[in-house]
Each structure stands twice: as C-alpha cells, then as structure tokens.
N, C-alpha and C. Protein backbone atom coordinates (compact mmCIF):
# COMPACT_ATOMS: atom_id res chain seq x y z
N UNK A 1 -4.67 58.84 -58.26
CA UNK A 1 -5.60 60.57 -58.49
C UNK A 1 -4.57 60.78 -57.76
N UNK A 2 -4.34 62.35 -58.31
CA UNK A 2 -4.11 64.35 -57.86
C UNK A 2 -5.58 64.23 -57.12
N UNK A 3 -4.88 64.92 -56.73
CA UNK A 3 -5.80 66.22 -55.66
C UNK A 3 -6.97 66.25 -55.79
N UNK A 4 -6.22 67.27 -57.01
CA UNK A 4 -7.24 67.78 -57.90
C UNK A 4 -8.88 66.94 -58.13
N UNK A 5 -8.14 65.22 -59.01
CA UNK A 5 -9.26 64.97 -59.01
C UNK A 5 -10.36 64.24 -58.06
N UNK A 6 -9.86 64.07 -57.06
CA UNK A 6 -10.32 63.57 -55.78
C UNK A 6 -11.03 64.67 -55.39
N UNK A 7 -10.90 66.48 -55.59
CA UNK A 7 -12.07 67.45 -54.98
C UNK A 7 -13.37 67.05 -56.67
N UNK A 8 -12.64 67.26 -57.34
CA UNK A 8 -14.11 66.67 -58.01
C UNK A 8 -14.86 65.92 -58.05
N UNK A 9 -14.06 65.36 -57.72
CA UNK A 9 -14.80 63.45 -57.38
C UNK A 9 -15.39 63.63 -56.93
N UNK A 10 -15.46 64.54 -55.61
CA UNK A 10 -16.77 63.98 -54.72
C UNK A 10 -17.56 65.71 -54.88
N UNK A 11 -16.90 66.62 -55.65
CA UNK A 11 -18.06 67.13 -55.81
C UNK A 11 -19.06 66.78 -56.76
N UNK A 12 -19.20 66.23 -57.93
CA UNK A 12 -19.50 65.03 -58.92
C UNK A 12 -21.24 64.58 -57.90
N UNK A 13 -19.91 63.75 -57.27
CA UNK A 13 -21.11 62.69 -55.88
C UNK A 13 -21.83 63.65 -55.74
N UNK A 14 -20.99 64.36 -54.90
CA UNK A 14 -22.36 65.47 -53.92
C UNK A 14 -23.80 66.39 -54.88
N UNK A 15 -23.34 66.59 -55.39
CA UNK A 15 -24.12 66.97 -56.69
C UNK A 15 -25.69 65.69 -56.61
N UNK A 16 -24.58 63.84 -56.77
CA UNK A 16 -25.61 63.41 -57.57
C UNK A 16 -26.64 63.60 -56.29
N UNK A 17 -25.89 63.28 -55.21
CA UNK A 17 -26.32 62.89 -53.73
C UNK A 17 -27.95 64.18 -53.32
N UNK A 18 -27.30 65.10 -53.51
CA UNK A 18 -27.87 66.15 -53.44
C UNK A 18 -29.26 66.94 -53.94
N UNK A 19 -28.77 66.57 -55.25
CA UNK A 19 -30.41 66.10 -55.96
C UNK A 19 -31.38 65.36 -55.82
N UNK A 20 -30.75 63.96 -55.68
CA UNK A 20 -31.49 62.87 -54.35
C UNK A 20 -32.06 63.72 -53.37
N UNK A 21 -31.21 64.29 -52.31
CA UNK A 21 -32.13 64.47 -51.26
C UNK A 21 -32.99 65.25 -51.90
N UNK A 22 -33.01 66.62 -52.85
CA UNK A 22 -33.95 68.01 -53.03
C UNK A 22 -35.10 67.20 -53.80
N UNK A 23 -34.77 65.97 -54.73
CA UNK A 23 -36.01 65.29 -55.46
C UNK A 23 -36.86 64.26 -54.32
N UNK A 24 -36.22 63.86 -53.31
CA UNK A 24 -37.09 62.77 -52.43
C UNK A 24 -37.28 63.44 -51.12
N UNK A 25 -37.51 65.04 -50.90
CA UNK A 25 -37.41 66.22 -49.89
C UNK A 25 -36.83 64.94 -48.24
N UNK A 26 -35.83 64.86 -48.59
CA UNK A 26 -35.44 63.72 -46.88
C UNK A 26 -35.40 64.86 -45.92
N UNK A 27 -35.23 64.94 -44.32
CA UNK A 27 -34.03 65.33 -43.57
C UNK A 27 -32.74 65.71 -43.40
N UNK A 28 -32.28 65.82 -42.67
CA UNK A 28 -30.93 67.14 -42.14
C UNK A 28 -30.01 64.77 -42.53
N UNK A 29 -30.82 64.07 -41.56
CA UNK A 29 -29.90 62.53 -41.48
C UNK A 29 -30.09 61.31 -43.12
N UNK A 30 -30.73 61.99 -43.31
CA UNK A 30 -31.42 61.74 -45.69
C UNK A 30 -30.63 62.42 -46.36
N UNK A 31 -30.42 63.73 -45.93
CA UNK A 31 -29.19 63.97 -46.47
C UNK A 31 -27.41 63.42 -46.69
N UNK A 32 -27.07 63.23 -44.78
CA UNK A 32 -25.86 62.74 -45.07
C UNK A 32 -26.34 61.25 -45.52
N UNK A 33 -27.21 60.30 -45.19
CA UNK A 33 -27.42 58.94 -46.34
C UNK A 33 -27.27 58.75 -47.86
N UNK A 34 -28.00 60.13 -48.49
CA UNK A 34 -27.96 60.34 -49.52
C UNK A 34 -26.34 60.38 -50.34
N UNK A 35 -25.60 62.18 -49.21
CA UNK A 35 -24.39 62.32 -49.95
C UNK A 35 -22.78 60.87 -50.10
N UNK A 36 -23.36 60.45 -48.62
CA UNK A 36 -22.38 59.71 -48.17
C UNK A 36 -22.89 58.03 -48.86
N UNK A 37 -23.95 57.63 -49.48
CA UNK A 37 -24.13 56.92 -50.57
C UNK A 37 -23.44 57.47 -51.90
N UNK A 38 -23.79 58.55 -51.97
CA UNK A 38 -22.87 58.75 -53.15
C UNK A 38 -21.32 58.80 -53.24
N UNK A 39 -21.12 59.84 -52.72
CA UNK A 39 -19.25 59.14 -52.71
C UNK A 39 -18.71 57.91 -52.52
N UNK A 40 -19.90 57.08 -51.69
CA UNK A 40 -19.10 54.99 -51.84
C UNK A 40 -19.62 54.62 -53.06
N UNK A 41 -20.67 55.01 -53.81
CA UNK A 41 -20.64 53.99 -55.40
C UNK A 41 -20.08 55.47 -56.50
N UNK A 42 -19.68 56.81 -56.41
CA UNK A 42 -18.65 57.40 -57.25
C UNK A 42 -17.64 56.46 -57.03
N UNK A 43 -17.11 56.44 -55.99
CA UNK A 43 -15.61 55.89 -55.78
C UNK A 43 -15.50 54.49 -56.28
N UNK A 44 -16.83 53.50 -55.73
CA UNK A 44 -16.84 52.11 -55.82
C UNK A 44 -16.88 52.03 -57.74
N UNK A 45 -17.48 52.80 -58.22
CA UNK A 45 -17.47 53.09 -59.99
C UNK A 45 -17.17 53.19 -60.66
N UNK A 46 -16.12 54.06 -59.65
CA UNK A 46 -14.39 54.85 -60.00
C UNK A 46 -13.42 53.56 -60.55
N UNK A 47 -13.23 52.89 -59.46
CA UNK A 47 -12.10 52.14 -59.32
C UNK A 47 -12.63 50.55 -60.26
N UNK A 48 -13.72 50.13 -59.97
CA UNK A 48 -14.75 48.86 -61.27
C UNK A 48 -14.10 49.37 -62.14
N UNK A 49 -14.66 50.71 -62.81
CA UNK A 49 -14.54 51.40 -64.25
C UNK A 49 -12.80 51.23 -64.32
N UNK A 50 -11.40 51.34 -63.26
CA UNK A 50 -10.37 51.56 -63.77
C UNK A 50 -9.96 49.61 -63.30
N UNK A 51 -10.21 48.57 -62.64
CA UNK A 51 -9.45 47.52 -62.68
C UNK A 51 -10.01 46.84 -63.95
N UNK A 52 -11.49 46.70 -64.24
CA UNK A 52 -11.60 46.26 -65.60
C UNK A 52 -11.51 47.59 -66.84
N UNK A 53 -10.80 47.93 -66.68
CA UNK A 53 -10.46 49.28 -67.58
C UNK A 53 -11.64 49.13 -69.02
N UNK A 54 -12.55 49.85 -68.03
CA UNK A 54 -13.71 50.44 -68.90
C UNK A 54 -13.47 51.95 -69.42
N UNK A 55 -14.03 52.20 -70.84
CA UNK A 55 -13.16 53.70 -71.43
C UNK A 55 -15.07 54.39 -70.82
N UNK A 56 -15.02 54.49 -70.09
CA UNK A 56 -16.67 55.21 -70.42
C UNK A 56 -16.96 56.46 -70.14
N UNK A 57 -17.23 57.44 -70.43
CA UNK A 57 -16.66 58.37 -70.36
C UNK A 57 -15.91 59.67 -69.83
N UNK A 58 -14.36 58.80 -69.31
CA UNK A 58 -13.80 59.81 -68.90
C UNK A 58 -13.28 60.66 -68.74
N UNK A 59 -12.81 61.14 -68.21
CA UNK A 59 -12.03 62.95 -68.18
C UNK A 59 -10.83 62.96 -67.04
N UNK A 60 -10.00 62.34 -67.90
CA UNK A 60 -8.88 62.49 -67.50
C UNK A 60 -8.41 61.28 -67.08
N UNK A 61 -7.81 61.33 -65.83
CA UNK A 61 -7.39 59.94 -64.68
C UNK A 61 -9.25 58.85 -64.09
N UNK A 62 -9.99 60.46 -64.50
CA UNK A 62 -11.63 59.66 -63.38
C UNK A 62 -12.32 58.88 -64.08
N UNK A 63 -13.08 58.10 -63.88
CA UNK A 63 -14.13 57.48 -65.32
C UNK A 63 -14.68 57.67 -64.89
N UNK A 64 -15.95 58.87 -65.20
CA UNK A 64 -16.77 59.12 -65.02
C UNK A 64 -18.03 58.42 -65.16
N UNK A 65 -17.35 58.09 -66.20
CA UNK A 65 -19.38 57.20 -66.39
C UNK A 65 -19.37 56.26 -65.57
N UNK A 66 -18.37 55.33 -65.09
CA UNK A 66 -18.45 54.02 -64.47
C UNK A 66 -18.90 54.90 -62.74
N UNK A 67 -17.55 55.46 -62.70
CA UNK A 67 -18.72 56.78 -61.72
C UNK A 67 -20.08 57.07 -60.87
N UNK A 68 -20.88 57.80 -61.72
CA UNK A 68 -21.87 58.54 -62.20
C UNK A 68 -22.78 56.87 -61.82
N UNK A 69 -22.52 56.09 -63.01
CA UNK A 69 -23.35 54.53 -62.49
C UNK A 69 -23.36 54.07 -61.17
N UNK A 70 -22.60 53.88 -61.05
CA UNK A 70 -22.29 53.71 -59.74
C UNK A 70 -22.79 54.15 -58.08
N UNK A 71 -22.73 55.18 -58.14
CA UNK A 71 -23.35 56.22 -57.69
C UNK A 71 -25.20 56.68 -57.84
N UNK A 72 -25.22 56.28 -58.92
CA UNK A 72 -26.54 56.23 -58.92
C UNK A 72 -27.29 54.77 -58.47
N UNK A 73 -27.00 54.02 -58.62
CA UNK A 73 -26.90 52.40 -58.37
C UNK A 73 -27.21 52.76 -56.78
N UNK A 74 -26.04 53.18 -56.65
CA UNK A 74 -25.99 52.78 -55.05
C UNK A 74 -26.78 54.08 -54.40
N UNK A 75 -27.07 54.97 -54.60
CA UNK A 75 -28.36 56.03 -54.28
C UNK A 75 -29.93 55.12 -53.93
N UNK A 76 -29.80 54.55 -55.23
CA UNK A 76 -31.58 53.85 -56.20
C UNK A 76 -31.28 52.76 -54.72
N UNK A 77 -30.41 52.39 -54.61
CA UNK A 77 -30.11 50.91 -53.39
C UNK A 77 -30.40 51.09 -52.14
N UNK A 78 -30.44 52.17 -52.03
CA UNK A 78 -29.74 52.66 -50.71
C UNK A 78 -31.48 53.63 -50.48
N UNK A 79 -32.05 54.20 -51.49
CA UNK A 79 -33.16 54.65 -51.55
C UNK A 79 -33.93 53.87 -51.13
N UNK A 80 -34.43 52.23 -51.78
CA UNK A 80 -34.84 51.89 -51.62
C UNK A 80 -34.95 50.95 -49.56
N UNK A 81 -33.97 50.53 -49.87
CA UNK A 81 -34.36 50.00 -48.66
C UNK A 81 -33.73 50.78 -47.15
N UNK A 82 -34.22 52.60 -47.35
CA UNK A 82 -34.49 53.00 -46.54
C UNK A 82 -35.89 53.13 -46.59
N UNK A 83 -36.70 52.93 -47.69
CA UNK A 83 -37.84 52.90 -47.07
C UNK A 83 -38.76 51.47 -46.38
N UNK A 84 -37.73 50.36 -45.62
CA UNK A 84 -38.27 50.13 -45.39
C UNK A 84 -38.77 50.63 -43.23
N UNK A 85 -40.58 49.93 -43.66
CA UNK A 85 -40.13 50.49 -42.26
C UNK A 85 -40.15 49.55 -40.85
N UNK A 86 -39.56 49.63 -39.99
CA UNK A 86 -39.36 48.77 -38.73
C UNK A 86 -40.59 48.54 -38.15
N UNK A 87 -41.22 49.23 -38.10
CA UNK A 87 -43.06 49.02 -37.41
C UNK A 87 -43.60 47.59 -37.69
N UNK A 88 -43.06 47.80 -38.57
CA UNK A 88 -44.21 46.47 -39.87
C UNK A 88 -43.44 45.56 -39.61
N UNK A 89 -42.04 45.58 -39.41
CA UNK A 89 -41.28 43.84 -38.95
C UNK A 89 -41.37 42.70 -37.91
C-alpha cells in the first residue's frame, strides 16, 4: 500500500467510527474506542480480502468492500461488548 492509500483508508475508517459515535451518543472515551476499532477492523478486513483474493468493491489497491465490512463488524462487536455493566458481575 502506498502512503495515499493508507491515508484514504484511515479517512474512510474514521468516517465509520465517527458516525457510530454520533449515532450512539458517546463521550470522548467512546469516540476514541470507536475510531480505534474502526481502524483495526478496516485494515483487518483489507488484509483478509487481500489474502483470500476477494474482489468486492476494490478501489485501486484498497479492498474497500472487505475493509468496510471488517470495520462495521468490529464496531458492532465493540459496541455490544461495551454494553456490559461491570457492576452486575
């Protein structure tokens, strides 16, 4: 991946993390959590798409489709795990 594709990938992943933060009304900690989860999910999805040769919504060298799916999957998992109340355990 070239530097411009990395920057664009961070931009796309940050959009999804920010939209999740706006949709779920979190504080600063939740914003950082959603951004990091979105970045990790996007790059994991991109790498998975590259390794498995999945050609779904490619944009140049970026496996955008699998990256978006990875980002959404990890955001959903992170949101679900953040709902656990440690006081009830």
